């Protein structure tokens, strides 16, 4: 029943009820008349509603394409697949595909051969999935899984047009060994990138220091002043070290203007032998000393400064025997000369080494010694000799005048 018919019936019933009330009040009906009038009014309204037209749908039945019968449920098939290897964007790294494949057969001609609809559906789904996974890197398996859920979530016919297929509950993953291997490779690549950046940073820093900061002493001083503007005096004191650092960085000697600021920068000639400096045309001594190291190695006591050792070698080279008295006397005379030359330490060393006995009376005294030219010419007249008419002092019976004691007796040795 339509809503318009119900409304009309309601209004008519109300109007008749009001009329009955007015008439009853006018003629003063008894109580039973009021009950009869109300019952008649309700019965009339009920009959009006019962005899009204039946309700109709929005589309008339005659205009419907099909009769209003229940539609049969479409028949569908499904099959679960798992662990199927699909290629990824990197060789030898395959995805493992798992899903539930659903399909629905399509109408086929009467003379069409029978087919395995499930196999066709699975092949169609795998082919669609392969086009997606082959473009994805293996470490993006989670992203590729969601893409496959969207691509395979629509029913599409297979290439033979015999079935329509789709996939649900798609799972895409890597095997455990490949996942672990990719994790290690990723860590190595990250470490290599960090190391490469650090190496480039170090190379740039070396180039900046070598070609800009330490190009010369002036550049180094300006660089230091730019970093320490208020430390002028300290910068002046660092000019020498900066010049030395700049020269070392460029494999050069310290420039002449800055050599006085760098201690030890001026080259000094090496001593040749016994403190004597080589002349302009003389070659420096060998690195192992003026004499071979294995000769007289046992003659030098530990703790010598070298003067006594050199003196010992000098006497050996002169042909003085080890037990000759002249050796000790010569050492005593050298010690006295060292005392006169204001070198008491060297003199004490010579005395300790050779422990020379006291010289004979008159040895080393200029007043009693004959000059070397007179000794070579035969002596003074009257002193004895071939030219003086007197026999030599060394001949028997001609000992000469008695020797005089030395004016500067040597100090006692310990």
Protein backbone atom coordinates (compact mmCIF):
# COMPACT_ATOMS: atom_id res chain seq x y z
CA UNK A 1 0.00 0.00 0.00
CA UNK A 2 1.24 3.42 -0.89
CA UNK A 3 1.87 6.10 1.69
CA UNK A 4 -0.59 8.48 -0.13
CA UNK A 5 -3.50 6.09 0.28
CA UNK A 6 -2.81 5.67 3.96
CA UNK A 7 -2.71 9.39 4.50
CA UNK A 8 -5.99 9.92 2.71
CA UNK A 9 -7.72 7.19 4.72
CA UNK A 10 -6.50 8.76 7.95
CA UNK A 11 -7.85 12.21 7.06
CA UNK A 12 -11.29 10.83 6.02
CA UNK A 13 -11.57 8.85 9.26
CA UNK A 14 -10.79 11.97 11.33
CA UNK A 15 -13.37 14.07 9.46
CA UNK A 16 -16.14 11.46 9.91
CA UNK A 17 -15.30 11.19 13.59
CA UNK A 18 -15.67 14.95 14.10
CA UNK A 19 -19.00 14.93 12.30
CA UNK A 20 -20.28 12.12 14.50
CA UNK A 21 -19.17 13.97 17.64
CA UNK A 22 -20.98 17.16 16.59
CA UNK A 23 -24.18 15.30 15.75
CA UNK A 24 -24.09 13.32 19.00
CA UNK A 25 -23.61 16.43 21.13
CA UNK A 26 -26.42 18.20 19.29
CA UNK A 27 -29.05 15.45 19.69
CA UNK A 28 -27.61 14.21 22.99
CA UNK A 29 -27.04 10.58 22.11
CA UNK A 30 -27.09 8.04 24.83
CA UNK A 31 -23.92 6.23 25.78
CA UNK A 32 -24.60 3.13 23.71
CA UNK A 33 -25.05 5.36 20.63
CA UNK A 34 -21.56 6.77 21.10
CA UNK A 35 -20.10 3.26 21.32
CA UNK A 36 -21.91 2.17 18.17
CA UNK A 37 -20.78 5.30 16.25
CA UNK A 38 -17.08 4.83 17.25
CA UNK A 39 -17.18 1.14 16.30
CA UNK A 40 -18.69 1.94 12.91
CA UNK A 41 -16.06 4.61 12.28
CA UNK A 42 -13.15 2.20 13.04
CA UNK A 43 -14.65 -0.59 10.94
CA UNK A 44 -15.05 1.78 7.98
CA UNK A 45 -11.42 2.94 8.23
CA UNK A 46 -10.21 -0.67 8.36
CA UNK A 47 -12.21 -1.64 5.32
CA UNK A 48 -10.86 1.39 3.41
CA UNK A 49 -7.29 0.37 4.12
CA UNK A 50 -7.90 -3.29 3.25
CA UNK A 51 -9.56 -2.56 -0.06
CA UNK A 52 -6.85 -0.08 -1.19
CA UNK A 53 -4.25 -0.80 -3.99
CA UNK A 54 -1.16 -2.95 -3.20
CA UNK A 55 2.32 -1.32 -3.10
CA UNK A 56 4.56 -1.64 -6.20
CA UNK A 57 8.36 -1.56 -6.57
CA UNK A 58 10.39 1.26 -8.18
CA UNK A 59 10.58 -0.75 -11.44
CA UNK A 60 7.38 -2.25 -12.72
CA UNK A 61 7.52 -6.01 -13.29
CA UNK A 62 6.65 -5.64 -16.91
CA UNK A 63 9.69 -3.44 -17.45
CA UNK A 64 12.19 -5.81 -15.75
CA UNK A 65 14.69 -7.63 -18.05
CA UNK A 66 14.61 -10.86 -16.10
CA UNK A 67 12.08 -12.27 -13.74
CA UNK A 68 12.72 -11.70 -10.06
CA UNK A 69 14.20 -15.15 -9.52
CA UNK A 70 17.27 -15.95 -7.28
CA UNK A 71 20.55 -15.72 -9.23
CA UNK A 72 22.65 -18.88 -8.90
CA UNK A 73 26.08 -18.43 -7.28
CA UNK A 74 28.97 -18.47 -9.70
CA UNK A 75 31.22 -21.50 -9.47
CA UNK A 76 34.87 -20.71 -8.64
CA UNK A 77 38.03 -22.75 -8.09
CA UNK A 78 41.23 -22.02 -6.11
CA UNK A 79 44.61 -23.60 -5.41
CA UNK A 80 47.50 -22.60 -3.07
CA UNK A 81 51.06 -22.39 -4.42
CA UNK A 82 54.24 -21.78 -2.40
CA UNK A 83 58.03 -21.61 -2.77
CA UNK A 84 58.03 -20.81 -6.49
CA UNK A 85 61.28 -19.08 -7.57
CA UNK A 86 60.80 -15.87 -9.52
CA UNK A 87 63.71 -13.85 -10.96
CA UNK A 88 64.74 -10.56 -9.38
CA UNK A 89 66.68 -7.62 -10.75
CA UNK A 90 70.02 -9.26 -9.75
CA UNK A 91 71.26 -12.55 -11.14
CA UNK A 92 71.34 -15.58 -8.82
CA UNK A 93 69.01 -13.89 -6.31
CA UNK A 94 65.48 -15.29 -6.77
CA UNK A 95 62.29 -14.43 -4.93
CA UNK A 96 60.18 -17.18 -3.37
CA UNK A 97 56.52 -16.65 -4.38
CA UNK A 98 53.54 -17.97 -2.42
CA UNK A 99 49.84 -17.17 -3.00
CA UNK A 100 46.31 -18.55 -3.37
CA UNK A 101 45.33 -18.66 -7.05
CA UNK A 102 41.62 -18.36 -7.86
CA UNK A 103 40.14 -18.87 -11.30
CA UNK A 104 36.87 -19.15 -13.11
CA UNK A 105 36.36 -21.01 -16.43
CA UNK A 106 35.16 -19.12 -19.46
CA UNK A 107 32.74 -20.24 -22.15
CA UNK A 108 34.44 -22.24 -24.86
CA UNK A 109 33.30 -23.40 -28.28
CA UNK A 110 31.69 -26.82 -28.53
CA UNK A 111 34.65 -28.27 -30.38
CA UNK A 112 37.29 -26.79 -27.97
CA UNK A 113 39.60 -29.34 -26.36
CA UNK A 114 39.48 -30.04 -22.68
CA UNK A 115 42.07 -28.14 -20.61
CA UNK A 116 43.44 -28.13 -17.08
CA UNK A 117 41.93 -24.87 -15.89
CA UNK A 118 43.99 -24.78 -12.69
CA UNK A 119 47.29 -25.12 -14.55
CA UNK A 120 46.32 -22.37 -16.99
CA UNK A 121 45.33 -20.09 -14.12
CA UNK A 122 48.57 -20.66 -12.19
CA UNK A 123 50.68 -20.11 -15.32
CA UNK A 124 48.84 -16.87 -16.04
CA UNK A 125 49.35 -15.60 -12.48
CA UNK A 126 53.07 -16.50 -12.45
CA UNK A 127 53.64 -14.79 -15.79
CA UNK A 128 52.02 -11.60 -14.51
CA UNK A 129 54.09 -11.80 -11.30
CA UNK A 130 57.35 -12.37 -13.23
CA UNK A 131 56.96 -9.07 -15.10
CA UNK A 132 56.91 -7.28 -11.74
CA UNK A 133 59.65 -9.12 -9.83
CA UNK A 134 62.24 -9.00 -12.61
CA UNK A 135 62.41 -5.22 -12.20
CA UNK A 136 62.83 -5.25 -8.41
CA UNK A 137 66.15 -5.56 -6.51
CA UNK A 138 66.29 -8.56 -4.18
CA UNK A 139 66.54 -6.49 -1.00
CA UNK A 140 63.16 -4.87 -1.84
CA UNK A 141 61.08 -8.01 -1.41
CA UNK A 142 58.55 -6.36 0.94
CA UNK A 143 57.83 -3.57 -1.54
CA UNK A 144 57.51 -6.05 -4.42
CA UNK A 145 55.07 -8.12 -2.36
CA UNK A 146 52.62 -5.23 -1.99
CA UNK A 147 52.95 -4.43 -5.69
CA UNK A 148 52.08 -8.01 -6.58
CA UNK A 149 49.01 -7.93 -4.34
CA UNK A 150 47.75 -5.00 -6.38
CA UNK A 151 48.67 -6.37 -9.80
CA UNK A 152 47.31 -9.89 -9.18
CA UNK A 153 44.17 -8.78 -7.34
CA UNK A 154 42.10 -8.49 -10.55
CA UNK A 155 40.50 -11.33 -12.49
CA UNK A 156 42.05 -11.42 -15.94
CA UNK A 157 41.80 -14.03 -18.69
CA UNK A 158 44.79 -16.15 -19.55
CA UNK A 159 46.38 -15.99 -23.03
CA UNK A 160 44.13 -18.87 -24.24
CA UNK A 161 40.96 -17.16 -22.97
CA UNK A 162 39.80 -20.34 -21.27
CA UNK A 163 39.98 -19.15 -17.65
CA UNK A 164 40.07 -15.96 -15.63
CA UNK A 165 42.62 -15.96 -12.80
CA UNK A 166 43.75 -13.86 -9.87
CA UNK A 167 45.88 -14.32 -6.73
CA UNK A 168 45.28 -13.56 -3.07
CA UNK A 169 47.44 -13.69 0.07
CA UNK A 170 50.63 -13.07 -1.90
CA UNK A 171 53.91 -13.59 0.02
CA UNK A 172 57.28 -12.72 -1.56
CA UNK A 173 60.55 -13.35 0.28
CA UNK A 174 64.21 -14.38 -0.07
CA UNK A 175 65.84 -17.52 1.25
CA UNK A 176 67.74 -17.11 4.50
CA UNK A 177 71.23 -17.53 2.99
CA UNK A 178 70.59 -14.92 0.30
CA UNK A 179 69.13 -12.50 2.84
CA UNK A 180 72.18 -12.91 5.10
CA UNK A 181 74.55 -12.50 2.15
CA UNK A 182 72.80 -9.32 1.03
CA UNK A 183 72.98 -7.94 4.56
CA UNK A 184 76.76 -8.47 4.64
CA UNK A 185 77.20 -6.94 1.19
CA UNK A 186 75.16 -3.94 2.22
CA UNK A 187 77.31 -3.43 5.34
CA UNK A 188 80.52 -3.74 3.28
CA UNK A 189 79.27 -1.23 0.71
CA UNK A 190 78.37 1.23 3.44
CA UNK A 191 81.78 0.85 5.10
CA UNK A 192 83.46 1.26 1.72
CA UNK A 193 81.51 4.42 1.02
CA UNK A 194 82.49 5.83 4.41
CA UNK A 195 86.14 4.89 3.85
CA UNK A 196 86.11 6.43 0.36
CA UNK A 197 84.68 9.68 1.71
CA UNK A 198 87.26 9.74 4.49
CA UNK A 199 90.05 9.07 1.98
CA UNK A 200 88.84 11.89 -0.27
CA UNK A 201 88.61 14.17 2.74
CA UNK A 202 92.16 13.25 3.79
CA UNK A 203 93.43 13.71 0.22
CA UNK A 204 91.82 17.15 0.00
CA UNK A 205 93.28 18.07 3.36
CA UNK A 206 96.78 16.97 2.31
CA UNK A 207 96.47 18.91 -0.92
CA UNK A 208 95.29 21.97 0.97
CA UNK A 209 98.16 21.75 3.45
CA UNK A 210 100.84 20.86 0.91
CA UNK A 211 99.92 23.18 -1.97
CA UNK A 212 98.39 26.07 -0.06
CA UNK A 213 99.34 26.24 3.60
CA UNK A 214 102.87 24.80 3.46
CA UNK A 215 103.73 26.04 -0.03
CA UNK A 216 106.38 28.32 1.47
CA UNK A 217 107.22 29.89 4.82
CA UNK A 218 105.20 33.03 4.11
CA UNK A 219 102.04 31.06 3.38
CA UNK A 220 102.48 29.06 6.59
CA UNK A 221 102.93 32.24 8.65
CA UNK A 222 99.85 33.85 7.05
CA UNK A 223 97.82 30.69 7.69
CA UNK A 224 98.88 30.68 11.35
CA UNK A 225 98.06 34.38 11.72
CA UNK A 226 94.59 33.82 10.21
CA UNK A 227 93.89 31.27 12.93
CA UNK A 228 95.55 33.21 15.75
CA UNK A 229 95.04 36.88 15.04
CA UNK A 230 95.83 38.07 18.57
CA UNK A 231 99.04 36.06 19.07
CA UNK A 232 101.53 38.14 17.12
CA UNK A 233 104.52 37.54 19.39
CA UNK A 234 103.91 33.82 19.46
CA UNK A 235 103.69 33.84 15.66
CA UNK A 236 107.07 35.59 15.45
CA UNK A 237 108.58 32.93 17.69
CA UNK A 238 107.12 30.22 15.46
CA UNK A 239 108.61 31.52 12.21
CA UNK A 240 111.64 29.22 12.61
CA UNK A 241 109.59 26.05 13.27
CA UNK A 242 107.19 26.97 10.45
CA UNK A 243 110.13 27.45 8.06
CA UNK A 244 111.53 24.08 9.10
CA UNK A 245 108.10 22.44 8.69
CA UNK A 246 107.61 24.03 5.26
CA UNK A 247 111.04 22.87 4.08
CA UNK A 248 110.35 19.33 5.29
CA UNK A 249 106.97 19.27 3.55
CA UNK A 250 108.59 20.30 0.24
CA UNK A 251 111.75 18.14 0.67
CA UNK A 252 113.97 21.23 0.59
CA UNK A 253 116.59 22.86 2.77
CA UNK A 254 115.63 25.75 5.01
CA UNK A 255 115.89 28.99 2.99
CA UNK A 256 118.87 31.20 3.76
CA UNK A 257 116.86 34.08 5.35
CA UNK A 258 115.35 31.67 7.91
CA UNK A 259 118.37 29.51 8.71
CA UNK A 260 119.38 31.69 11.63
CA UNK A 261 115.94 31.02 13.18
CA UNK A 262 116.33 27.25 12.94
CA UNK A 263 119.00 25.75 15.18
CA UNK A 264 121.24 23.26 13.42
CA UNK A 265 120.10 24.24 9.94
CA UNK A 266 123.58 25.47 8.84
CA UNK A 267 125.79 22.51 7.83
CA UNK A 268 129.06 22.22 9.80
CA UNK A 269 132.18 20.40 8.57
CA UNK A 270 132.86 17.10 10.22
CA UNK A 271 136.12 16.69 12.20
CA UNK A 272 138.66 14.67 10.32
CA UNK A 273 140.95 13.33 13.01
CA UNK A 274 141.65 14.28 16.59
CA UNK A 275 139.59 17.47 16.38
CA UNK A 276 141.29 18.70 13.17
CA UNK A 277 139.02 20.10 10.47
CA UNK A 278 139.64 19.03 6.88
CA UNK A 279 141.09 21.51 4.48
CA UNK A 280 139.39 22.63 1.27
CA UNK A 281 141.15 19.98 -0.80
CA UNK A 282 141.10 17.14 1.68
CA UNK A 283 138.59 14.32 1.77
CA UNK A 284 136.69 13.61 4.97
CA UNK A 285 137.63 10.50 6.94
CA UNK A 286 135.70 7.31 6.44
CA UNK A 287 132.59 6.72 8.50
CA UNK A 288 134.28 4.11 10.67
CA UNK A 289 137.14 6.42 11.77
CA UNK A 290 140.69 7.04 10.62
CA UNK A 291 141.78 3.54 11.57
CA UNK A 292 140.19 0.17 11.18
CA UNK A 293 137.95 -0.74 14.10
CA UNK A 294 139.39 -4.21 14.55
CA UNK A 295 142.98 -2.98 15.06
CA UNK A 296 143.94 -2.43 18.67
CA UNK A 297 140.35 -2.91 19.71
CA UNK A 298 141.42 -4.32 23.04
CA UNK A 299 143.82 -1.45 23.79
CA UNK A 300 141.08 1.10 24.50
CA UNK A 301 139.58 0.85 27.95
CA UNK A 302 135.89 1.50 28.39
CA UNK A 303 135.09 5.11 29.23
CA UNK A 304 137.90 6.75 27.12
CA UNK A 305 137.00 9.95 25.36
CA UNK A 306 139.28 9.08 22.42
CA UNK A 307 142.36 11.26 23.01
CA UNK A 308 144.37 8.53 24.70
CA UNK A 309 143.23 6.01 22.13
CA UNK A 310 144.37 8.24 19.27
CA UNK A 311 147.66 8.91 21.02
CA UNK A 312 148.17 5.19 21.46
CA UNK A 313 147.60 4.62 17.75
CA UNK A 314 149.90 7.49 16.88
CA UNK A 315 152.74 5.93 18.86
CA UNK A 316 152.01 2.56 17.29
CA UNK A 317 152.19 4.10 13.85
CA UNK A 318 155.49 5.80 14.83
CA UNK A 319 157.00 2.41 15.69
CA UNK A 320 157.22 2.74 19.47
CA UNK A 321 157.14 -0.61 21.22
CA UNK A 322 154.56 -1.29 23.91
CA UNK A 323 157.14 -1.78 26.66
CA UNK A 324 159.52 1.00 25.56
CA UNK A 325 160.28 3.73 28.07
CA UNK A 326 160.05 6.30 25.30
CA UNK A 327 156.35 5.50 24.92
CA UNK A 328 155.52 6.50 28.49
CA UNK A 329 157.83 9.52 28.41
CA UNK A 330 156.28 10.70 25.16
CA UNK A 331 152.83 10.35 26.67
CA UNK A 332 153.97 12.36 29.74
CA UNK A 333 155.24 15.13 27.45
CA UNK A 334 151.95 15.20 25.52
CA UNK A 335 150.09 15.43 28.83
CA UNK A 336 152.24 18.42 29.86
CA UNK A 337 151.53 20.05 26.50
CA UNK A 338 147.81 19.49 27.01
CA UNK A 339 148.04 21.15 30.41
CA UNK A 340 149.80 24.10 28.80
CA UNK A 341 147.10 24.21 26.09
CA UNK A 342 144.44 24.56 28.83
CA UNK A 343 143.03 21.01 28.33
CA UNK A 344 143.40 19.41 31.77
CA UNK A 345 140.75 16.73 31.14
CA UNK A 346 142.58 15.35 28.13
CA UNK A 347 145.88 15.50 30.02
CA UNK A 348 144.44 13.53 32.94
CA UNK A 349 143.06 10.97 30.51
CA UNK A 350 146.49 10.49 28.91
CA UNK A 351 148.13 10.11 32.33
CA UNK A 352 145.52 7.59 33.49
CA UNK A 353 145.90 5.59 30.30
CA UNK A 354 149.65 5.36 30.11
CA UNK A 355 150.60 5.99 33.79
CA UNK A 356 153.90 7.45 32.59
CA UNK A 357 156.80 7.40 35.08
CA UNK A 358 158.67 10.56 36.03
CA UNK A 359 161.01 11.66 33.25
CA UNK A 360 164.77 11.53 33.80
CA UNK A 361 166.42 14.70 35.04
CA UNK A 362 166.71 17.30 32.33
CA UNK A 363 164.03 15.65 30.04
CA UNK A 364 161.77 18.27 28.67
CA UNK A 365 163.71 21.22 30.22
CA UNK A 366 164.30 23.92 27.60
CA UNK A 367 167.34 25.21 29.55
CA UNK A 368 169.21 21.91 29.32
CA UNK A 369 167.88 20.58 26.01
CA UNK A 370 169.83 21.36 22.87
CA UNK A 371 168.01 23.01 20.03
CA UNK A 372 166.90 20.70 17.24
CA UNK A 373 169.04 22.54 14.66
CA UNK A 374 172.14 22.13 16.83
CA UNK A 375 171.33 18.48 17.39
CA UNK A 376 171.10 17.94 13.69
CA UNK A 377 174.31 19.97 12.97
CA UNK A 378 176.44 18.35 15.61
CA UNK A 379 175.83 20.63 18.66
CA UNK A 380 177.28 23.85 19.98
CA UNK A 381 181.03 24.51 20.04
CA UNK A 382 182.49 22.98 23.13
CA UNK A 383 179.47 20.70 23.69
CA UNK A 384 181.20 17.76 22.14
CA UNK A 385 180.63 16.36 18.73
CA UNK A 386 182.25 15.88 15.40
CA UNK A 387 182.48 19.62 14.60
CA UNK A 388 183.15 20.93 18.13
CA UNK A 389 186.33 19.06 18.79
CA UNK A 390 184.81 17.32 21.80
CA UNK A 391 183.83 13.67 21.92
CA UNK A 392 180.07 12.83 21.81
CA UNK A 393 178.15 12.59 25.03
CA UNK A 394 177.23 9.07 24.20
CA UNK A 395 180.80 7.83 23.98
CA UNK A 396 182.35 6.19 27.01
CA UNK A 397 183.97 8.59 29.38
CA UNK A 398 182.21 11.65 27.96
CA UNK A 399 178.85 11.94 29.67
CA UNK A 400 178.72 15.76 29.35
CA UNK A 401 177.55 18.19 31.97
CA UNK A 402 175.22 16.90 34.69
CA UNK A 403 171.52 17.28 33.81
CA UNK A 404 169.48 20.02 35.45
CA UNK A 405 166.13 19.32 37.06
CA UNK A 406 163.08 20.47 35.04
CA UNK A 407 161.60 23.85 35.86
CA UNK A 408 158.02 22.58 35.74
CA UNK A 409 157.98 19.13 37.27
CA UNK A 410 154.90 17.12 36.18
CA UNK A 411 152.17 16.57 38.74
CA UNK A 412 152.14 13.25 40.50
CA UNK A 413 149.99 10.60 38.83
CA UNK A 414 147.43 8.64 40.70
